[in-house]
Amino acid sequence: MKQPKLTAGKTYNVSAWVKLSDDNTAVSPGIKLTLQIEHASTEYLELTTVTNVVAGDWVQLSGTYTHSITTEEVRLYFMWSQTN
């Protein structure tokens, strides 16, 4: 089933809970929500700043996005970076 298009000019609230696995104690990653928008080109929009995550803990990521174009393809990613 095809999802409905996002409406240009409408603001969307995006929120997700993320948990780093308990066995990931060797690194202290940061994670953020990123939106990929497909139209004439591919655009990436960071919905949140990088948030540090501790192994075994839940963290909520929240952001808002005002859609400005008509497109049928939007993807939400959880992106992380690791520091040792």
Protein backbone atom coordinates (compact mmCIF):
# COMPACT_ATOMS: atom_id res chain seq x y z
CA MET A 1 0.00 0.00 0.00
CA LYS A 2 1.42 3.35 -1.03
CA GLN A 3 1.68 5.92 1.73
CA PRO A 4 0.07 9.33 1.18
CA LYS A 5 2.24 12.22 0.10
CA LEU A 6 3.44 14.77 2.58
CA THR A 7 1.62 18.08 2.25
CA ALA A 8 3.67 21.13 1.26
CA GLY A 9 3.51 23.81 3.95
CA LYS A 10 2.54 21.38 6.71
CA THR A 11 4.73 20.88 9.78
CA TYR A 12 5.35 17.32 10.94
CA ASN A 13 6.54 16.25 14.39
CA VAL A 14 8.95 13.32 14.37
CA SER A 15 9.86 11.37 17.49
CA ALA A 16 11.52 8.02 18.15
CA TRP A 17 12.94 6.11 21.10
CA VAL A 18 16.33 4.49 20.48
CA LYS A 19 18.28 2.05 22.66
CA LEU A 20 21.93 1.17 22.27
CA SER A 21 22.50 -2.53 22.87
CA ASP A 22 23.83 -3.52 26.28
CA ASP A 23 26.90 -5.20 24.80
CA ASN A 24 28.15 -1.98 23.19
CA THR A 25 30.17 -0.68 26.17
CA ALA A 26 33.43 -0.07 24.29
CA VAL A 27 32.16 3.01 22.43
CA SER A 28 30.14 6.09 23.24
CA PRO A 29 28.19 6.85 20.09
CA GLY A 30 26.16 9.88 19.28
CA ILE A 31 22.94 9.45 17.32
CA LYS A 32 20.66 11.79 15.36
CA LEU A 33 17.53 11.66 13.22
CA THR A 34 18.06 12.52 9.56
CA LEU A 35 15.39 12.86 6.88
CA GLN A 36 16.16 11.95 3.24
CA ILE A 37 13.93 13.72 0.71
CA GLU A 38 13.84 12.62 -2.93
CA HIS A 39 12.86 15.21 -5.54
CA ALA A 40 14.95 16.71 -8.36
CA SER A 41 17.94 15.77 -6.22
CA THR A 42 18.49 13.98 -2.92
CA GLU A 43 18.36 16.23 0.13
CA TYR A 44 19.31 15.31 3.70
CA LEU A 45 17.91 17.27 6.61
CA GLU A 46 19.10 16.77 10.17
CA LEU A 47 16.01 16.80 12.41
CA THR A 48 18.00 16.60 15.66
CA THR A 49 21.48 17.41 16.87
CA VAL A 50 23.79 14.55 17.83
CA THR A 51 22.73 13.06 21.18
CA ASN A 52 25.06 10.87 23.23
CA VAL A 53 23.74 7.40 24.06
CA VAL A 54 24.90 5.15 26.90
CA ALA A 55 24.88 1.37 26.40
CA GLY A 56 21.61 -0.13 27.65
CA ASP A 57 19.80 3.21 28.01
CA TRP A 58 16.86 4.52 26.00
CA VAL A 59 16.99 8.03 24.54
CA GLN A 60 14.19 9.96 22.82
CA LEU A 61 14.99 11.88 19.65
CA SER A 62 12.45 14.51 18.57
CA GLY A 63 12.35 17.13 15.87
CA THR A 64 10.03 19.03 13.55
CA TYR A 65 10.01 19.37 9.80
CA THR A 66 8.03 21.74 7.58
CA HIS A 67 7.57 20.16 4.19
CA SER A 68 8.12 22.59 1.31
CA ILE A 69 7.84 20.46 -1.86
CA THR A 70 5.69 17.72 -3.33
CA THR A 71 7.40 14.35 -3.20
CA GLU A 72 6.40 10.74 -2.74
CA GLU A 73 9.62 9.50 -1.22
CA VAL A 74 10.84 10.50 2.23
CA ARG A 75 12.99 8.29 4.45
CA LEU A 76 13.85 8.64 8.12
CA TYR A 77 17.28 7.47 9.27
CA PHE A 78 18.97 7.01 12.61
CA MET A 79 22.57 8.02 12.01
CA TRP A 80 25.35 7.56 14.54
CA SER A 81 29.01 8.26 15.01
CA GLN A 82 31.28 6.34 17.33
CA THR A 83 34.08 7.65 19.48
CA ASN A 84 36.46 5.40 21.35
